[in-house]
Amino acid sequence: HRENGLEMVSSLEVGERRDLDPTRPSVILRKVGEASLWDIAKQCGSSIQAIKEANNLCGEPPADQILLVPVC
């Protein structure tokens, strides 16, 4: 269904929550400038929560911090 030229999503399937898996592939990268965890997660196929858990973060890390980014 389209209103104002935008598609409407009528249903979504949510994936199961997975436990952290130490054998799961990860990316190691350096946070550059103002990139947020959201930006990094989106670019790497991860989630903000997974990045926070892998790096013991409570909030946004400082610029130039090295991050372990678990990917799905």
PDB file of N, CA and C in Angstrom:
ATOM      1  N   HIS A   1       0.841  -1.171   0.000  1.00  0.00           N
ATOM      2  CA  HIS A   1       0.000   0.000   0.000  1.00  0.00           C
ATOM      3  C   HIS A   1       0.887   1.233   0.000  1.00  0.00           C
ATOM      4  N   ARG A   2       0.572   2.222  -0.829  1.00  0.00           N
ATOM      5  CA  ARG A   2       1.399   3.421  -0.915  1.00  0.00           C
ATOM      6  C   ARG A   2       0.570   4.657  -0.593  1.00  0.00           C
ATOM      7  N   GLU A   3       1.115   5.484   0.262  1.00  0.00           N
ATOM      8  CA  GLU A   3       0.537   6.784   0.550  1.00  0.00           C
ATOM      9  C   GLU A   3       1.650   7.805   0.413  1.00  0.00           C
ATOM     10  N   ASN A   4       1.400   8.885  -0.267  1.00  0.00           N
ATOM     11  CA  ASN A   4       2.403   9.936  -0.454  1.00  0.00           C
ATOM     12  C   ASN A   4       3.682   9.399  -1.081  1.00  0.00           C
ATOM     13  N   GLY A   5       3.582   8.350  -1.904  1.00  0.00           N
ATOM     14  CA  GLY A   5       4.746   7.814  -2.578  1.00  0.00           C
ATOM     15  C   GLY A   5       5.644   6.940  -1.734  1.00  0.00           C
ATOM     16  N   LEU A   6       5.250   6.639  -0.494  1.00  0.00           N
ATOM     17  CA  LEU A   6       6.063   5.801   0.381  1.00  0.00           C
ATOM     18  C   LEU A   6       5.396   4.455   0.591  1.00  0.00           C
ATOM     19  N   GLU A   7       6.204   3.396   0.557  1.00  0.00           N
ATOM     20  CA  GLU A   7       5.640   2.075   0.814  1.00  0.00           C
ATOM     21  C   GLU A   7       5.387   1.895   2.299  1.00  0.00           C
ATOM     22  N   MET A   8       4.305   1.216   2.618  1.00  0.00           N
ATOM     23  CA  MET A   8       3.970   0.951   4.015  1.00  0.00           C
ATOM     24  C   MET A   8       4.323  -0.493   4.342  1.00  0.00           C
ATOM     25  N   VAL A   9       5.009  -0.684   5.441  1.00  0.00           N
ATOM     26  CA  VAL A   9       5.331  -2.032   5.896  1.00  0.00           C
ATOM     27  C   VAL A   9       4.203  -2.470   6.807  1.00  0.00           C
ATOM     28  N   SER A  10       3.568  -3.590   6.455  1.00  0.00           N
ATOM     29  CA  SER A  10       2.424  -4.032   7.243  1.00  0.00           C
ATOM     30  C   SER A  10       2.762  -5.125   8.241  1.00  0.00           C
ATOM     31  N   SER A  11       3.888  -5.809   8.032  1.00  0.00           N
ATOM     32  CA  SER A  11       4.285  -6.823   9.006  1.00  0.00           C
ATOM     33  C   SER A  11       5.786  -7.022   8.924  1.00  0.00           C
ATOM     34  N   LEU A  12       6.364  -7.364  10.042  1.00  0.00           N
ATOM     35  CA  LEU A  12       7.795  -7.620  10.119  1.00  0.00           C
ATOM     36  C   LEU A  12       8.026  -8.902  10.881  1.00  0.00           C
ATOM     37  N   GLU A  13       9.074  -9.617  10.527  1.00  0.00           N
ATOM     38  CA  GLU A  13       9.473 -10.778  11.307  1.00  0.00           C
ATOM     39  C   GLU A  13      10.764 -10.421  12.022  1.00  0.00           C
ATOM     40  N   VAL A  14      10.772 -10.623  13.306  1.00  0.00           N
ATOM     41  CA  VAL A  14      11.942 -10.293  14.104  1.00  0.00           C
ATOM     42  C   VAL A  14      12.752 -11.560  14.325  1.00  0.00           C
ATOM     43  N   GLY A  15      14.048 -11.461  14.080  1.00  0.00           N
ATOM     44  CA  GLY A  15      14.920 -12.616  14.267  1.00  0.00           C
ATOM     45  C   GLY A  15      15.105 -12.949  15.734  1.00  0.00           C
ATOM     46  N   GLU A  16      15.538 -14.155  15.974  1.00  0.00           N
ATOM     47  CA  GLU A  16      15.772 -14.594  17.344  1.00  0.00           C
ATOM     48  C   GLU A  16      17.013 -13.926  17.894  1.00  0.00           C
ATOM     49  N   ARG A  17      16.992 -13.652  19.168  1.00  0.00           N
ATOM     50  CA  ARG A  17      18.159 -13.102  19.857  1.00  0.00           C
ATOM     51  C   ARG A  17      19.185 -14.207  19.971  1.00  0.00           C
ATOM     52  N   ARG A  18      20.399 -13.941  19.515  1.00  0.00           N
ATOM     53  CA  ARG A  18      21.447 -14.947  19.579  1.00  0.00           C
ATOM     54  C   ARG A  18      22.451 -14.580  20.659  1.00  0.00           C
ATOM     55  N   ASP A  19      22.970 -15.598  21.325  1.00  0.00           N
ATOM     56  CA  ASP A  19      24.022 -15.370  22.296  1.00  0.00           C
ATOM     57  C   ASP A  19      25.307 -15.041  21.558  1.00  0.00           C
ATOM     58  N   LEU A  20      26.214 -14.353  22.241  1.00  0.00           N
ATOM     59  CA  LEU A  20      27.499 -14.050  21.625  1.00  0.00           C
ATOM     60  C   LEU A  20      28.240 -15.340  21.327  1.00  0.00           C
ATOM     61  N   ASP A  21      28.814 -15.428  20.175  1.00  0.00           N
ATOM     62  CA  ASP A  21      29.526 -16.615  19.734  1.00  0.00           C
ATOM     63  C   ASP A  21      30.965 -16.223  19.440  1.00  0.00           C
ATOM     64  N   PRO A  22      31.927 -16.726  20.212  1.00  0.00           N
ATOM     65  CA  PRO A  22      33.317 -16.327  19.988  1.00  0.00           C
ATOM     66  C   PRO A  22      33.868 -16.732  18.626  1.00  0.00           C
ATOM     67  N   THR A  23      33.195 -17.665  17.936  1.00  0.00           N
ATOM     68  CA  THR A  23      33.664 -18.080  16.611  1.00  0.00           C
ATOM     69  C   THR A  23      33.011 -17.255  15.504  1.00  0.00           C
ATOM     70  N   ARG A  24      32.081 -16.378  15.885  1.00  0.00           N
ATOM     71  CA  ARG A  24      31.392 -15.542  14.910  1.00  0.00           C
ATOM     72  C   ARG A  24      32.378 -14.548  14.302  1.00  0.00           C
ATOM     73  N   PRO A  25      32.332 -14.328  13.000  1.00  0.00           N
ATOM     74  CA  PRO A  25      33.259 -13.384  12.375  1.00  0.00           C
ATOM     75  C   PRO A  25      33.094 -11.982  12.960  1.00  0.00           C
ATOM     76  N   SER A  26      34.196 -11.271  13.048  1.00  0.00           N
ATOM     77  CA  SER A  26      34.190  -9.899  13.538  1.00  0.00           C
ATOM     78  C   SER A  26      35.092  -9.048  12.667  1.00  0.00           C
ATOM     79  N   VAL A  27      34.860  -7.756  12.739  1.00  0.00           N
ATOM     80  CA  VAL A  27      35.687  -6.776  12.051  1.00  0.00           C
ATOM     81  C   VAL A  27      36.345  -5.935  13.127  1.00  0.00           C
ATOM     82  N   ILE A  28      37.620  -5.645  12.970  1.00  0.00           N
ATOM     83  CA  ILE A  28      38.296  -4.738  13.882  1.00  0.00           C
ATOM     84  C   ILE A  28      38.531  -3.454  13.107  1.00  0.00           C
ATOM     85  N   LEU A  29      38.024  -2.344  13.642  1.00  0.00           N
ATOM     86  CA  LEU A  29      38.194  -1.084  12.949  1.00  0.00           C
ATOM     87  C   LEU A  29      38.408   0.046  13.927  1.00  0.00           C
ATOM     88  N   ARG A  30      38.869   1.166  13.397  1.00  0.00           N
ATOM     89  CA  ARG A  30      39.087   2.361  14.195  1.00  0.00           C
ATOM     90  C   ARG A  30      37.950   3.323  13.911  1.00  0.00           C
ATOM     91  N   LYS A  31      37.311   3.806  14.973  1.00  0.00           N
ATOM     92  CA  LYS A  31      36.224   4.765  14.805  1.00  0.00           C
ATOM     93  C   LYS A  31      36.817   6.068  14.291  1.00  0.00           C
ATOM     94  N   VAL A  32      36.230   6.589  13.233  1.00  0.00           N
ATOM     95  CA  VAL A  32      36.754   7.801  12.614  1.00  0.00           C
ATOM     96  C   VAL A  32      35.782   8.948  12.816  1.00  0.00           C
ATOM     97  N   GLY A  33      36.285  10.055  13.318  1.00  0.00           N
ATOM     98  CA  GLY A  33      35.498  11.286  13.441  1.00  0.00           C
ATOM     99  C   GLY A  33      34.192  11.122  14.189  1.00  0.00           C
ATOM    100  N   GLU A  34      33.144  11.615  13.582  1.00  0.00           N
ATOM    101  CA  GLU A  34      31.824  11.653  14.219  1.00  0.00           C
ATOM    102  C   GLU A  34      30.964  10.426  13.922  1.00  0.00           C
ATOM    103  N   ALA A  35      31.522   9.381  13.355  1.00  0.00           N
ATOM    104  CA  ALA A  35      30.735   8.172  13.072  1.00  0.00           C
ATOM    105  C   ALA A  35      30.144   7.642  14.377  1.00  0.00           C
ATOM    106  N   SER A  36      28.864   7.345  14.372  1.00  0.00           N
ATOM    107  CA  SER A  36      28.198   6.823  15.570  1.00  0.00           C
ATOM    108  C   SER A  36      28.190   5.294  15.523  1.00  0.00           C
ATOM    109  N   LEU A  37      27.856   4.687  16.651  1.00  0.00           N
ATOM    110  CA  LEU A  37      27.727   3.234  16.675  1.00  0.00           C
ATOM    111  C   LEU A  37      26.660   2.777  15.678  1.00  0.00           C
ATOM    112  N   TRP A  38      25.615   3.568  15.513  1.00  0.00           N
ATOM    113  CA  TRP A  38      24.564   3.257  14.546  1.00  0.00           C
ATOM    114  C   TRP A  38      25.165   3.180  13.138  1.00  0.00           C
ATOM    115  N   ASP A  39      25.983   4.181  12.778  1.00  0.00           N
ATOM    116  CA  ASP A  39      26.620   4.198  11.454  1.00  0.00           C
ATOM    117  C   ASP A  39      27.501   2.974  11.257  1.00  0.00           C
ATOM    118  N   ILE A  40      28.309   2.660  12.266  1.00  0.00           N
ATOM    119  CA  ILE A  40      29.234   1.528  12.182  1.00  0.00           C
ATOM    120  C   ILE A  40      28.468   0.214  12.071  1.00  0.00           C
ATOM    121  N   ALA A  41      27.433   0.049  12.907  1.00  0.00           N
ATOM    122  CA  ALA A  41      26.631  -1.176  12.884  1.00  0.00           C
ATOM    123  C   ALA A  41      25.982  -1.363  11.520  1.00  0.00           C
ATOM    124  N   LYS A  42      25.424  -0.285  10.978  1.00  0.00           N
ATOM    125  CA  LYS A  42      24.748  -0.349   9.688  1.00  0.00           C
ATOM    126  C   LYS A  42      25.733  -0.722   8.577  1.00  0.00           C
ATOM    127  N   GLN A  43      26.912  -0.143   8.582  1.00  0.00           N
ATOM    128  CA  GLN A  43      27.900  -0.402   7.538  1.00  0.00           C
ATOM    129  C   GLN A  43      28.477  -1.806   7.619  1.00  0.00           C
ATOM    130  N   CYS A  44      28.556  -2.373   8.840  1.00  0.00           N
ATOM    131  CA  CYS A  44      29.226  -3.663   9.017  1.00  0.00           C
ATOM    132  C   CYS A  44      28.270  -4.839   9.168  1.00  0.00           C
ATOM    133  N   GLY A  45      26.962  -4.586   9.167  1.00  0.00           N
ATOM    134  CA  GLY A  45      26.013  -5.676   9.340  1.00  0.00           C
ATOM    135  C   GLY A  45      25.989  -6.190  10.761  1.00  0.00           C
ATOM    136  N   SER A  46      26.056  -5.274  11.714  1.00  0.00           N
ATOM    137  CA  SER A  46      26.062  -5.630  13.133  1.00  0.00           C
ATOM    138  C   SER A  46      24.927  -4.892  13.822  1.00  0.00           C
ATOM    139  N   SER A  47      24.977  -4.822  15.139  1.00  0.00           N
ATOM    140  CA  SER A  47      23.997  -4.044  15.900  1.00  0.00           C
ATOM    141  C   SER A  47      24.735  -3.217  16.941  1.00  0.00           C
ATOM    142  N   ILE A  48      24.104  -2.144  17.371  1.00  0.00           N
ATOM    143  CA  ILE A  48      24.695  -1.290  18.400  1.00  0.00           C
ATOM    144  C   ILE A  48      24.953  -2.109  19.654  1.00  0.00           C
ATOM    145  N   GLN A  49      23.986  -2.913  20.058  1.00  0.00           N
ATOM    146  CA  GLN A  49      24.118  -3.722  21.276  1.00  0.00           C
ATOM    147  C   GLN A  49      25.284  -4.697  21.175  1.00  0.00           C
ATOM    148  N   ALA A  50      25.442  -5.351  20.022  1.00  0.00           N
ATOM    149  CA  ALA A  50      26.541  -6.304  19.843  1.00  0.00           C
ATOM    150  C   ALA A  50      27.892  -5.603  19.948  1.00  0.00           C
ATOM    151  N   ILE A  51      27.998  -4.403  19.374  1.00  0.00           N
ATOM    152  CA  ILE A  51      29.255  -3.650  19.447  1.00  0.00           C
ATOM    153  C   ILE A  51      29.528  -3.229  20.883  1.00  0.00           C
ATOM    154  N   LYS A  52      28.496  -2.740  21.569  1.00  0.00           N
ATOM    155  CA  LYS A  52      28.675  -2.331  22.970  1.00  0.00           C
ATOM    156  C   LYS A  52      29.122  -3.503  23.829  1.00  0.00           C
ATOM    157  N   GLU A  53      28.488  -4.659  23.663  1.00  0.00           N
ATOM    158  CA  GLU A  53      28.838  -5.836  24.474  1.00  0.00           C
ATOM    159  C   GLU A  53      30.247  -6.327  24.168  1.00  0.00           C
ATOM    160  N   ALA A  54      30.636  -6.325  22.900  1.00  0.00           N
ATOM    161  CA  ALA A  54      31.957  -6.815  22.517  1.00  0.00           C
ATOM    162  C   ALA A  54      33.076  -5.911  23.018  1.00  0.00           C
ATOM    163  N   ASN A  55      32.764  -4.626  23.255  1.00  0.00           N
ATOM    164  CA  ASN A  55      33.786  -3.661  23.646  1.00  0.00           C
ATOM    165  C   ASN A  55      33.575  -3.101  25.055  1.00  0.00           C
ATOM    166  N   ASN A  56      32.610  -3.669  25.800  1.00  0.00           N
ATOM    167  CA  ASN A  56      32.302  -3.206  27.161  1.00  0.00           C
ATOM    168  C   ASN A  56      32.048  -1.703  27.197  1.00  0.00           C
ATOM    169  N   LEU A  57      31.185  -1.228  26.300  1.00  0.00           N
ATOM    170  CA  LEU A  57      30.864   0.191  26.217  1.00  0.00           C
ATOM    171  C   LEU A  57      29.538   0.495  26.899  1.00  0.00           C
ATOM    172  N   CYS A  58      29.442   1.691  27.473  1.00  0.00           N
ATOM    173  CA  CYS A  58      28.172   2.168  28.035  1.00  0.00           C
ATOM    174  C   CYS A  58      27.515   3.190  27.109  1.00  0.00           C
ATOM    175  N   GLY A  59      28.317   3.844  26.295  1.00  0.00           N
ATOM    176  CA  GLY A  59      27.806   4.863  25.378  1.00  0.00           C
ATOM    177  C   GLY A  59      28.660   4.900  24.132  1.00  0.00           C
ATOM    178  N   GLU A  60      28.653   6.054  23.479  1.00  0.00           N
ATOM    179  CA  GLU A  60      29.458   6.223  22.264  1.00  0.00           C
ATOM    180  C   GLU A  60      30.943   6.268  22.631  1.00  0.00           C
ATOM    181  N   PRO A  61      31.782   5.551  21.909  1.00  0.00           N
ATOM    182  CA  PRO A  61      33.223   5.599  22.160  1.00  0.00           C
ATOM    183  C   PRO A  61      33.830   6.882  21.580  1.00  0.00           C
ATOM    184  N   PRO A  62      34.998   7.283  22.080  1.00  0.00           N
ATOM    185  CA  PRO A  62      35.660   8.467  21.520  1.00  0.00           C
ATOM    186  C   PRO A  62      36.185   8.190  20.113  1.00  0.00           C
ATOM    187  N   ALA A  63      36.413   9.259  19.370  1.00  0.00           N
ATOM    188  CA  ALA A  63      36.998   9.122  18.029  1.00  0.00           C
ATOM    189  C   ALA A  63      38.346   8.435  18.144  1.00  0.00           C
ATOM    190  N   ASP A  64      38.705   7.683  17.144  1.00  0.00           N
ATOM    191  CA  ASP A  64      39.980   6.949  17.046  1.00  0.00           C
ATOM    192  C   ASP A  64      40.068   5.728  17.955  1.00  0.00           C
ATOM    193  N   GLN A  65      38.979   5.345  18.610  1.00  0.00           N
ATOM    194  CA  GLN A  65      39.016   4.115  19.416  1.00  0.00           C
ATOM    195  C   GLN A  65      38.953   2.903  18.493  1.00  0.00           C
ATOM    196  N   ILE A  66      39.720   1.869  18.807  1.00  0.00           N
ATOM    197  CA  ILE A  66      39.678   0.612  18.066  1.00  0.00           C
ATOM    198  C   ILE A  66      38.482  -0.189  18.582  1.00  0.00           C
ATOM    199  N   LEU A  67      37.651  -0.694  17.682  1.00  0.00           N
ATOM    200  CA  LEU A  67      36.449  -1.440  18.062  1.00  0.00           C
ATOM    201  C   LEU A  67      36.427  -2.823  17.435  1.00  0.00           C
ATOM    202  N   LEU A  68      35.951  -3.787  18.196  1.00  0.00           N
ATOM    203  CA  LEU A  68      35.650  -5.121  17.692  1.00  0.00           C
ATOM    204  C   LEU A  68      34.172  -5.089  17.301  1.00  0.00           C
ATOM    205  N   VAL A  69      33.866  -5.376  16.044  1.00  0.00           N
ATOM    206  CA  VAL A  69      32.483  -5.296  15.547  1.00  0.00           C
ATOM    207  C   VAL A  69      32.047  -6.688  15.111  1.00  0.00           C
ATOM    208  N   PRO A  70      31.217  -7.375  15.940  1.00  0.00           N
ATOM    209  CA  PRO A  70      30.692  -8.685  15.538  1.00  0.00           C
ATOM    210  C   PRO A  70      29.730  -8.521  14.345  1.00  0.00           C
ATOM    211  N   VAL A  71      29.844  -9.410  13.374  1.00  0.00           N
ATOM    212  CA  VAL A  71      28.944  -9.351  12.215  1.00  0.00           C
ATOM    213  C   VAL A  71      28.090 -10.614  12.169  1.00  0.00           C
ATOM    214  N   CYS A  72      26.926 -10.482  11.546  1.00  0.00           N
ATOM    215  CA  CYS A  72      26.000 -11.611  11.473  1.00  0.00           C
ATOM    216  C   CYS A  72      26.328 -12.517  10.324  1.00  0.00           C
TER     217      CYS A  72
END
